Amino acid sequence: MVGASLDEHQRVLMVELADDTELGVTEVVRRHLRWVDDNREVAQLLLGVSPDVLRRSLSTPVLDGNRRFFAAVADWLREHGWGERVGCR
């Protein structure tokens, strides 16, 4: 259940990323907060358990999907100048 919820949440967040940087970030934050409100128990589990415990409890496909999600978000941020703005590379 947690893995499926996490996958779906990340899929929806990727859809919210827009060509306009400010709009994309704003929509992702709004959608994430709505998800937390709608999925309090899962959100509490994901945010309240240590990362090591969470990693051990999720399947390899879910963990791989999580890595792909964060890599895609990092790519989107770089494509929209994030690294240049905060001095990251």
PDB file of N, CA and C in Angstrom:
ATOM      1  N   MET A   1       0.817  -1.196   0.000  1.00  0.00           N
ATOM      2  CA  MET A   1       0.000   0.000   0.000  1.00  0.00           C
ATOM      3  C   MET A   1       0.858   1.256   0.000  1.00  0.00           C
ATOM      4  N   VAL A   2       1.882   1.307   0.839  1.00  0.00           N
ATOM      5  CA  VAL A   2       2.727   2.493   0.909  1.00  0.00           C
ATOM      6  C   VAL A   2       3.461   2.702  -0.408  1.00  0.00           C
ATOM      7  N   GLY A   3       3.997   1.623  -0.954  1.00  0.00           N
ATOM      8  CA  GLY A   3       4.718   1.732  -2.219  1.00  0.00           C
ATOM      9  C   GLY A   3       3.843   2.219  -3.346  1.00  0.00           C
ATOM     10  N   ALA A   4       2.640   1.684  -3.456  1.00  0.00           N
ATOM     11  CA  ALA A   4       1.715   2.104  -4.509  1.00  0.00           C
ATOM     12  C   ALA A   4       1.311   3.563  -4.327  1.00  0.00           C
ATOM     13  N   SER A   5       1.090   3.966  -3.099  1.00  0.00           N
ATOM     14  CA  SER A   5       0.723   5.355  -2.811  1.00  0.00           C
ATOM     15  C   SER A   5       1.867   6.304  -3.167  1.00  0.00           C
ATOM     16  N   LEU A   6       3.082   5.914  -2.818  1.00  0.00           N
ATOM     17  CA  LEU A   6       4.256   6.730  -3.132  1.00  0.00           C
ATOM     18  C   LEU A   6       4.439   6.851  -4.643  1.00  0.00           C
ATOM     19  N   ASP A   7       4.320   5.736  -5.355  1.00  0.00           N
ATOM     20  CA  ASP A   7       4.434   5.762  -6.819  1.00  0.00           C
ATOM     21  C   ASP A   7       3.410   6.702  -7.443  1.00  0.00           C
ATOM     22  N   GLU A   8       2.162   6.581  -7.015  1.00  0.00           N
ATOM     23  CA  GLU A   8       1.104   7.421  -7.570  1.00  0.00           C
ATOM     24  C   GLU A   8       1.339   8.894  -7.254  1.00  0.00           C
ATOM     25  N   HIS A   9       1.733   9.171  -6.033  1.00  0.00           N
ATOM     26  CA  HIS A   9       1.996  10.558  -5.632  1.00  0.00           C
ATOM     27  C   HIS A   9       3.107  11.165  -6.488  1.00  0.00           C
ATOM     28  N   GLN A  10       4.177  10.436  -6.670  1.00  0.00           N
ATOM     29  CA  GLN A  10       5.291  10.949  -7.463  1.00  0.00           C
ATOM     30  C   GLN A  10       4.902  11.116  -8.930  1.00  0.00           C
ATOM     31  N   ARG A  11       4.098  10.219  -9.452  1.00  0.00           N
ATOM     32  CA  ARG A  11       3.627  10.347 -10.838  1.00  0.00           C
ATOM     33  C   ARG A  11       2.816  11.631 -11.013  1.00  0.00           C
ATOM     34  N   VAL A  12       1.924  11.888 -10.063  1.00  0.00           N
ATOM     35  CA  VAL A  12       1.092  13.099 -10.127  1.00  0.00           C
ATOM     36  C   VAL A  12       1.960  14.357 -10.001  1.00  0.00           C
ATOM     37  N   LEU A  13       2.943  14.321  -9.130  1.00  0.00           N
ATOM     38  CA  LEU A  13       3.810  15.491  -8.978  1.00  0.00           C
ATOM     39  C   LEU A  13       4.566  15.798 -10.263  1.00  0.00           C
ATOM     40  N   MET A  14       5.024  14.778 -10.965  1.00  0.00           N
ATOM     41  CA  MET A  14       5.749  15.006 -12.215  1.00  0.00           C
ATOM     42  C   MET A  14       4.859  15.692 -13.249  1.00  0.00           C
ATOM     43  N   VAL A  15       3.577  15.361 -13.246  1.00  0.00           N
ATOM     44  CA  VAL A  15       2.636  15.986 -14.180  1.00  0.00           C
ATOM     45  C   VAL A  15       2.499  17.479 -13.879  1.00  0.00           C
ATOM     46  N   GLU A  16       2.645  17.849 -12.616  1.00  0.00           N
ATOM     47  CA  GLU A  16       2.462  19.247 -12.209  1.00  0.00           C
ATOM     48  C   GLU A  16       3.630  20.150 -12.626  1.00  0.00           C
ATOM     49  N   LEU A  17       4.784  19.582 -12.914  1.00  0.00           N
ATOM     50  CA  LEU A  17       5.919  20.410 -13.313  1.00  0.00           C
ATOM     51  C   LEU A  17       5.612  21.076 -14.647  1.00  0.00           C
ATOM     52  N   ALA A  18       5.762  22.388 -14.696  1.00  0.00           N
ATOM     53  CA  ALA A  18       5.408  23.167 -15.877  1.00  0.00           C
ATOM     54  C   ALA A  18       6.659  23.762 -16.505  1.00  0.00           C
ATOM     55  N   ASP A  19       6.497  24.287 -17.715  1.00  0.00           N
ATOM     56  CA  ASP A  19       7.614  24.966 -18.368  1.00  0.00           C
ATOM     57  C   ASP A  19       8.042  26.190 -17.570  1.00  0.00           C
ATOM     58  N   ASP A  20       7.089  26.871 -16.974  1.00  0.00           N
ATOM     59  CA  ASP A  20       7.376  28.038 -16.145  1.00  0.00           C
ATOM     60  C   ASP A  20       7.842  27.552 -14.767  1.00  0.00           C
ATOM     61  N   THR A  21       9.042  27.949 -14.378  1.00  0.00           N
ATOM     62  CA  THR A  21       9.644  27.448 -13.146  1.00  0.00           C
ATOM     63  C   THR A  21       8.801  27.763 -11.918  1.00  0.00           C
ATOM     64  N   GLU A  22       8.418  29.014 -11.763  1.00  0.00           N
ATOM     65  CA  GLU A  22       7.651  29.395 -10.576  1.00  0.00           C
ATOM     66  C   GLU A  22       6.314  28.655 -10.517  1.00  0.00           C
ATOM     67  N   LEU A  23       5.636  28.572 -11.641  1.00  0.00           N
ATOM     68  CA  LEU A  23       4.362  27.853 -11.689  1.00  0.00           C
ATOM     69  C   LEU A  23       4.573  26.375 -11.368  1.00  0.00           C
ATOM     70  N   GLY A  24       5.611  25.769 -11.914  1.00  0.00           N
ATOM     71  CA  GLY A  24       5.881  24.360 -11.659  1.00  0.00           C
ATOM     72  C   GLY A  24       6.115  24.076 -10.191  1.00  0.00           C
ATOM     73  N   VAL A  25       6.959  24.874  -9.562  1.00  0.00           N
ATOM     74  CA  VAL A  25       7.247  24.671  -8.138  1.00  0.00           C
ATOM     75  C   VAL A  25       5.992  24.910  -7.307  1.00  0.00           C
ATOM     76  N   THR A  26       5.265  25.975  -7.629  1.00  0.00           N
ATOM     77  CA  THR A  26       4.041  26.292  -6.885  1.00  0.00           C
ATOM     78  C   THR A  26       3.035  25.149  -6.982  1.00  0.00           C
ATOM     79  N   GLU A  27       2.835  24.624  -8.166  1.00  0.00           N
ATOM     80  CA  GLU A  27       1.855  23.553  -8.350  1.00  0.00           C
ATOM     81  C   GLU A  27       2.288  22.256  -7.662  1.00  0.00           C
ATOM     82  N   VAL A  28       3.583  21.958  -7.690  1.00  0.00           N
ATOM     83  CA  VAL A  28       4.066  20.755  -7.005  1.00  0.00           C
ATOM     84  C   VAL A  28       3.846  20.882  -5.496  1.00  0.00           C
ATOM     85  N   VAL A  29       4.148  22.043  -4.946  1.00  0.00           N
ATOM     86  CA  VAL A  29       3.943  22.239  -3.508  1.00  0.00           C
ATOM     87  C   VAL A  29       2.458  22.135  -3.166  1.00  0.00           C
ATOM     88  N   ARG A  30       1.601  22.786  -3.941  1.00  0.00           N
ATOM     89  CA  ARG A  30       0.154  22.706  -3.690  1.00  0.00           C
ATOM     90  C   ARG A  30      -0.341  21.261  -3.761  1.00  0.00           C
ATOM     91  N   ARG A  31       0.089  20.543  -4.778  1.00  0.00           N
ATOM     92  CA  ARG A  31      -0.362  19.163  -4.956  1.00  0.00           C
ATOM     93  C   ARG A  31       0.159  18.273  -3.834  1.00  0.00           C
ATOM     94  N   HIS A  32       1.406  18.496  -3.424  1.00  0.00           N
ATOM     95  CA  HIS A  32       1.974  17.702  -2.335  1.00  0.00           C
ATOM     96  C   HIS A  32       1.212  17.938  -1.031  1.00  0.00           C
ATOM     97  N   LEU A  33       0.932  19.185  -0.722  1.00  0.00           N
ATOM     98  CA  LEU A  33       0.186  19.487   0.505  1.00  0.00           C
ATOM     99  C   LEU A  33      -1.220  18.905   0.465  1.00  0.00           C
ATOM    100  N   ARG A  34      -1.848  18.922  -0.702  1.00  0.00           N
ATOM    101  CA  ARG A  34      -3.170  18.312  -0.852  1.00  0.00           C
ATOM    102  C   ARG A  34      -3.070  16.801  -0.625  1.00  0.00           C
ATOM    103  N   TRP A  35      -2.022  16.181  -1.173  1.00  0.00           N
ATOM    104  CA  TRP A  35      -1.825  14.736  -0.983  1.00  0.00           C
ATOM    105  C   TRP A  35      -1.623  14.406   0.494  1.00  0.00           C
ATOM    106  N   VAL A  36      -0.795  15.198   1.189  1.00  0.00           N
ATOM    107  CA  VAL A  36      -0.570  14.968   2.619  1.00  0.00           C
ATOM    108  C   VAL A  36      -1.890  15.061   3.374  1.00  0.00           C
ATOM    109  N   ASP A  37      -2.692  16.060   3.052  1.00  0.00           N
ATOM    110  CA  ASP A  37      -3.982  16.225   3.715  1.00  0.00           C
ATOM    111  C   ASP A  37      -4.927  15.055   3.420  1.00  0.00           C
ATOM    112  N   ASP A  38      -4.903  14.569   2.184  1.00  0.00           N
ATOM    113  CA  ASP A  38      -5.790  13.465   1.787  1.00  0.00           C
ATOM    114  C   ASP A  38      -5.275  12.089   2.226  1.00  0.00           C
ATOM    115  N   ASN A  39      -4.002  11.987   2.534  1.00  0.00           N
ATOM    116  CA  ASN A  39      -3.368  10.696   2.854  1.00  0.00           C
ATOM    117  C   ASN A  39      -2.560  10.802   4.137  1.00  0.00           C
ATOM    118  N   ARG A  40      -3.179  11.286   5.172  1.00  0.00           N
ATOM    119  CA  ARG A  40      -2.467  11.578   6.423  1.00  0.00           C
ATOM    120  C   ARG A  40      -1.707  10.384   6.993  1.00  0.00           C
ATOM    121  N   GLU A  41      -2.313   9.210   6.980  1.00  0.00           N
ATOM    122  CA  GLU A  41      -1.652   8.051   7.584  1.00  0.00           C
ATOM    123  C   GLU A  41      -0.403   7.650   6.809  1.00  0.00           C
ATOM    124  N   VAL A  42      -0.512   7.601   5.484  1.00  0.00           N
ATOM    125  CA  VAL A  42       0.653   7.245   4.666  1.00  0.00           C
ATOM    126  C   VAL A  42       1.713   8.333   4.775  1.00  0.00           C
ATOM    127  N   ALA A  43       1.291   9.590   4.730  1.00  0.00           N
ATOM    128  CA  ALA A  43       2.242  10.696   4.838  1.00  0.00           C
ATOM    129  C   ALA A  43       2.974  10.646   6.184  1.00  0.00           C
ATOM    130  N   GLN A  44       2.245  10.362   7.241  1.00  0.00           N
ATOM    131  CA  GLN A  44       2.870  10.278   8.563  1.00  0.00           C
ATOM    132  C   GLN A  44       3.886   9.142   8.601  1.00  0.00           C
ATOM    133  N   LEU A  45       3.556   8.042   7.982  1.00  0.00           N
ATOM    134  CA  LEU A  45       4.484   6.919   7.929  1.00  0.00           C
ATOM    135  C   LEU A  45       5.736   7.288   7.141  1.00  0.00           C
ATOM    136  N   LEU A  46       5.544   7.875   5.964  1.00  0.00           N
ATOM    137  CA  LEU A  46       6.692   8.229   5.124  1.00  0.00           C
ATOM    138  C   LEU A  46       7.578   9.289   5.775  1.00  0.00           C
ATOM    139  N   LEU A  47       6.963  10.225   6.478  1.00  0.00           N
ATOM    140  CA  LEU A  47       7.723  11.317   7.077  1.00  0.00           C
ATOM    141  C   LEU A  47       8.176  11.030   8.504  1.00  0.00           C
ATOM    142  N   GLY A  48       7.553  10.039   9.147  1.00  0.00           N
ATOM    143  CA  GLY A  48       7.840   9.795  10.554  1.00  0.00           C
ATOM    144  C   GLY A  48       8.754   8.620  10.837  1.00  0.00           C
ATOM    145  N   VAL A  49       9.041   7.820   9.815  1.00  0.00           N
ATOM    146  CA  VAL A  49       9.895   6.650   9.988  1.00  0.00           C
ATOM    147  C   VAL A  49      11.296   7.000   9.493  1.00  0.00           C
ATOM    148  N   SER A  50      12.303   6.464  10.147  1.00  0.00           N
ATOM    149  CA  SER A  50      13.666   6.764   9.701  1.00  0.00           C
ATOM    150  C   SER A  50      13.863   6.262   8.277  1.00  0.00           C
ATOM    151  N   PRO A  51      14.677   6.960   7.486  1.00  0.00           N
ATOM    152  CA  PRO A  51      14.905   6.544   6.098  1.00  0.00           C
ATOM    153  C   PRO A  51      15.401   5.101   5.978  1.00  0.00           C
ATOM    154  N   ASP A  52      16.237   4.657   6.898  1.00  0.00           N
ATOM    155  CA  ASP A  52      16.735   3.279   6.828  1.00  0.00           C
ATOM    156  C   ASP A  52      15.618   2.266   6.993  1.00  0.00           C
ATOM    157  N   VAL A  53      14.730   2.502   7.943  1.00  0.00           N
ATOM    158  CA  VAL A  53      13.603   1.595   8.165  1.00  0.00           C
ATOM    159  C   VAL A  53      12.682   1.615   6.944  1.00  0.00           C
ATOM    160  N   LEU A  54      12.431   2.789   6.417  1.00  0.00           N
ATOM    161  CA  LEU A  54      11.561   2.906   5.249  1.00  0.00           C
ATOM    162  C   LEU A  54      12.156   2.165   4.059  1.00  0.00           C
ATOM    163  N   ARG A  55      13.451   2.345   3.806  1.00  0.00           N
ATOM    164  CA  ARG A  55      14.099   1.661   2.686  1.00  0.00           C
ATOM    165  C   ARG A  55      13.998   0.140   2.811  1.00  0.00           C
ATOM    166  N   ARG A  56      14.170  -0.365   4.029  1.00  0.00           N
ATOM    167  CA  ARG A  56      14.086  -1.814   4.238  1.00  0.00           C
ATOM    168  C   ARG A  56      12.668  -2.344   4.036  1.00  0.00           C
ATOM    169  N   SER A  57      11.677  -1.488   4.187  1.00  0.00           N
ATOM    170  CA  SER A  57      10.290  -1.950   4.096  1.00  0.00           C
ATOM    171  C   SER A  57       9.718  -1.843   2.681  1.00  0.00           C
ATOM    172  N   LEU A  58      10.409  -1.154   1.787  1.00  0.00           N
ATOM    173  CA  LEU A  58       9.897  -0.976   0.426  1.00  0.00           C
ATOM    174  C   LEU A  58      10.567  -1.947  -0.531  1.00  0.00           C
ATOM    175  N   SER A  59       9.849  -2.340  -1.548  1.00  0.00           N
ATOM    176  CA  SER A  59      10.385  -3.275  -2.529  1.00  0.00           C
ATOM    177  C   SER A  59      11.417  -2.585  -3.424  1.00  0.00           C
ATOM    178  N   THR A  60      12.238  -3.386  -4.063  1.00  0.00           N
ATOM    179  CA  THR A  60      13.249  -2.854  -4.979  1.00  0.00           C
ATOM    180  C   THR A  60      12.624  -2.033  -6.097  1.00  0.00           C
ATOM    181  N   PRO A  61      11.535  -2.476  -6.733  1.00  0.00           N
ATOM    182  CA  PRO A  61      10.930  -1.632  -7.774  1.00  0.00           C
ATOM    183  C   PRO A  61      10.459  -0.269  -7.254  1.00  0.00           C
ATOM    184  N   VAL A  62       9.931  -0.228  -6.045  1.00  0.00           N
ATOM    185  CA  VAL A  62       9.488   1.054  -5.476  1.00  0.00           C
ATOM    186  C   VAL A  62      10.699   1.944  -5.208  1.00  0.00           C
ATOM    187  N   LEU A  63      11.754   1.385  -4.652  1.00  0.00           N
ATOM    188  CA  LEU A  63      12.969   2.165  -4.400  1.00  0.00           C
ATOM    189  C   LEU A  63      13.578   2.669  -5.702  1.00  0.00           C
ATOM    190  N   ASP A  64      13.584   1.828  -6.733  1.00  0.00           N
ATOM    191  CA  ASP A  64      14.101   2.257  -8.037  1.00  0.00           C
ATOM    192  C   ASP A  64      13.253   3.391  -8.611  1.00  0.00           C
ATOM    193  N   GLY A  65      11.942   3.270  -8.479  1.00  0.00           N
ATOM    194  CA  GLY A  65      11.057   4.337  -8.937  1.00  0.00           C
ATOM    195  C   GLY A  65      11.284   5.628  -8.177  1.00  0.00           C
ATOM    196  N   ASN A  66      11.549   5.522  -6.883  1.00  0.00           N
ATOM    197  CA  ASN A  66      11.834   6.697  -6.062  1.00  0.00           C
ATOM    198  C   ASN A  66      13.120   7.382  -6.529  1.00  0.00           C
ATOM    199  N   ARG A  67      14.133   6.590  -6.835  1.00  0.00           N
ATOM    200  CA  ARG A  67      15.392   7.167  -7.346  1.00  0.00           C
ATOM    201  C   ARG A  67      15.170   7.863  -8.686  1.00  0.00           C
ATOM    202  N   ARG A  68      14.390   7.225  -9.566  1.00  0.00           N
ATOM    203  CA  ARG A  68      14.100   7.838 -10.867  1.00  0.00           C
ATOM    204  C   ARG A  68      13.326   9.145 -10.693  1.00  0.00           C
ATOM    205  N   PHE A  69      12.379   9.160  -9.754  1.00  0.00           N
ATOM    206  CA  PHE A  69      11.606  10.373  -9.493  1.00  0.00           C
ATOM    207  C   PHE A  69      12.526  11.523  -9.078  1.00  0.00           C
ATOM    208  N   PHE A  70      13.385  11.283  -8.100  1.00  0.00           N
ATOM    209  CA  PHE A  70      14.257  12.358  -7.635  1.00  0.00           C
ATOM    210  C   PHE A  70      15.282  12.770  -8.684  1.00  0.00           C
ATOM    211  N   ALA A  71      15.734  11.835  -9.507  1.00  0.00           N
ATOM    212  CA  ALA A  71      16.639  12.194 -10.605  1.00  0.00           C
ATOM    213  C   ALA A  71      15.908  13.070 -11.623  1.00  0.00           C
ATOM    214  N   ALA A  72      14.651  12.739 -11.922  1.00  0.00           N
ATOM    215  CA  ALA A  72      13.868  13.534 -12.868  1.00  0.00           C
ATOM    216  C   ALA A  72      13.597  14.939 -12.327  1.00  0.00           C
ATOM    217  N   VAL A  73      13.300  15.046 -11.044  1.00  0.00           N
ATOM    218  CA  VAL A  73      13.084  16.367 -10.436  1.00  0.00           C
ATOM    219  C   VAL A  73      14.377  17.176 -10.481  1.00  0.00           C
ATOM    220  N   ALA A  74      15.503  16.546 -10.167  1.00  0.00           N
ATOM    221  CA  ALA A  74      16.794  17.240 -10.219  1.00  0.00           C
ATOM    222  C   ALA A  74      17.087  17.720 -11.642  1.00  0.00           C
ATOM    223  N   ASP A  75      16.797  16.882 -12.640  1.00  0.00           N
ATOM    224  CA  ASP A  75      16.990  17.287 -14.037  1.00  0.00           C
ATOM    225  C   ASP A  75      16.108  18.482 -14.370  1.00  0.00           C
ATOM    226  N   TRP A  76      14.842  18.435 -13.956  1.00  0.00           N
ATOM    227  CA  TRP A  76      13.921  19.543 -14.227  1.00  0.00           C
ATOM    228  C   TRP A  76      14.437  20.837 -13.591  1.00  0.00           C
ATOM    229  N   LEU A  77      14.899  20.743 -12.357  1.00  0.00           N
ATOM    230  CA  LEU A  77      15.416  21.931 -11.675  1.00  0.00           C
ATOM    231  C   LEU A  77      16.629  22.494 -12.413  1.00  0.00           C
ATOM    232  N   ARG A  78      17.537  21.631 -12.826  1.00  0.00           N
ATOM    233  CA  ARG A  78      18.719  22.098 -13.576  1.00  0.00           C
ATOM    234  C   ARG A  78      18.302  22.740 -14.897  1.00  0.00           C
ATOM    235  N   GLU A  79      17.356  22.104 -15.603  1.00  0.00           N
ATOM    236  CA  GLU A  79      16.877  22.646 -16.879  1.00  0.00           C
ATOM    237  C   GLU A  79      16.237  24.020 -16.706  1.00  0.00           C
ATOM    238  N   HIS A  80      15.761  24.304 -15.518  1.00  0.00           N
ATOM    239  CA  HIS A  80      15.101  25.584 -15.249  1.00  0.00           C
ATOM    240  C   HIS A  80      15.996  26.548 -14.471  1.00  0.00           C
ATOM    241  N   GLY A  81      17.300  26.301 -14.526  1.00  0.00           N
ATOM    242  CA  GLY A  81      18.261  27.237 -13.973  1.00  0.00           C
ATOM    243  C   GLY A  81      18.463  27.198 -12.485  1.00  0.00           C
ATOM    244  N   TRP A  82      17.953  26.196 -11.821  1.00  0.00           N
ATOM    245  CA  TRP A  82      18.062  26.153 -10.362  1.00  0.00           C
ATOM    246  C   TRP A  82      19.511  26.183  -9.907  1.00  0.00           C
ATOM    247  N   GLY A  83      20.361  25.376 -10.504  1.00  0.00           N
ATOM    248  CA  GLY A  83      21.767  25.310 -10.097  1.00  0.00           C
ATOM    249  C   GLY A  83      22.471  26.651 -10.227  1.00  0.00           C
ATOM    250  N   GLU A  84      22.159  27.384 -11.287  1.00  0.00           N
ATOM    251  CA  GLU A  84      22.782  28.684 -11.471  1.00  0.00           C
ATOM    252  C   GLU A  84      22.346  29.691 -10.402  1.00  0.00           C
ATOM    253  N   ARG A  85      21.102  29.571  -9.970  1.00  0.00           N
ATOM    254  CA  ARG A  85      20.573  30.533  -9.005  1.00  0.00           C
ATOM    255  C   ARG A  85      21.130  30.336  -7.606  1.00  0.00           C
ATOM    256  N   VAL A  86      21.380  29.103  -7.235  1.00  0.00           N
ATOM    257  CA  VAL A  86      21.825  28.856  -5.856  1.00  0.00           C
ATOM    258  C   VAL A  86      23.274  28.401  -5.797  1.00  0.00           C
ATOM    259  N   GLY A  87      23.963  28.459  -6.915  1.00  0.00           N
ATOM    260  CA  GLY A  87      25.378  28.111  -6.938  1.00  0.00           C
ATOM    261  C   GLY A  87      25.637  26.619  -6.825  1.00  0.00           C
ATOM    262  N   CYS A  88      24.682  25.785  -7.210  1.00  0.00           N
ATOM    263  CA  CYS A  88      24.852  24.329  -7.157  1.00  0.00           C
ATOM    264  C   CYS A  88      25.306  23.812  -8.508  1.00  0.00           C
ATOM    265  N   ARG A  89      26.012  22.735  -8.458  1.00  0.00           N
ATOM    266  CA  ARG A  89      26.411  22.046  -9.702  1.00  0.00           C
ATOM    267  C   ARG A  89      26.294  20.582  -9.506  1.00  0.00           C
TER     268      ARG A  89
END
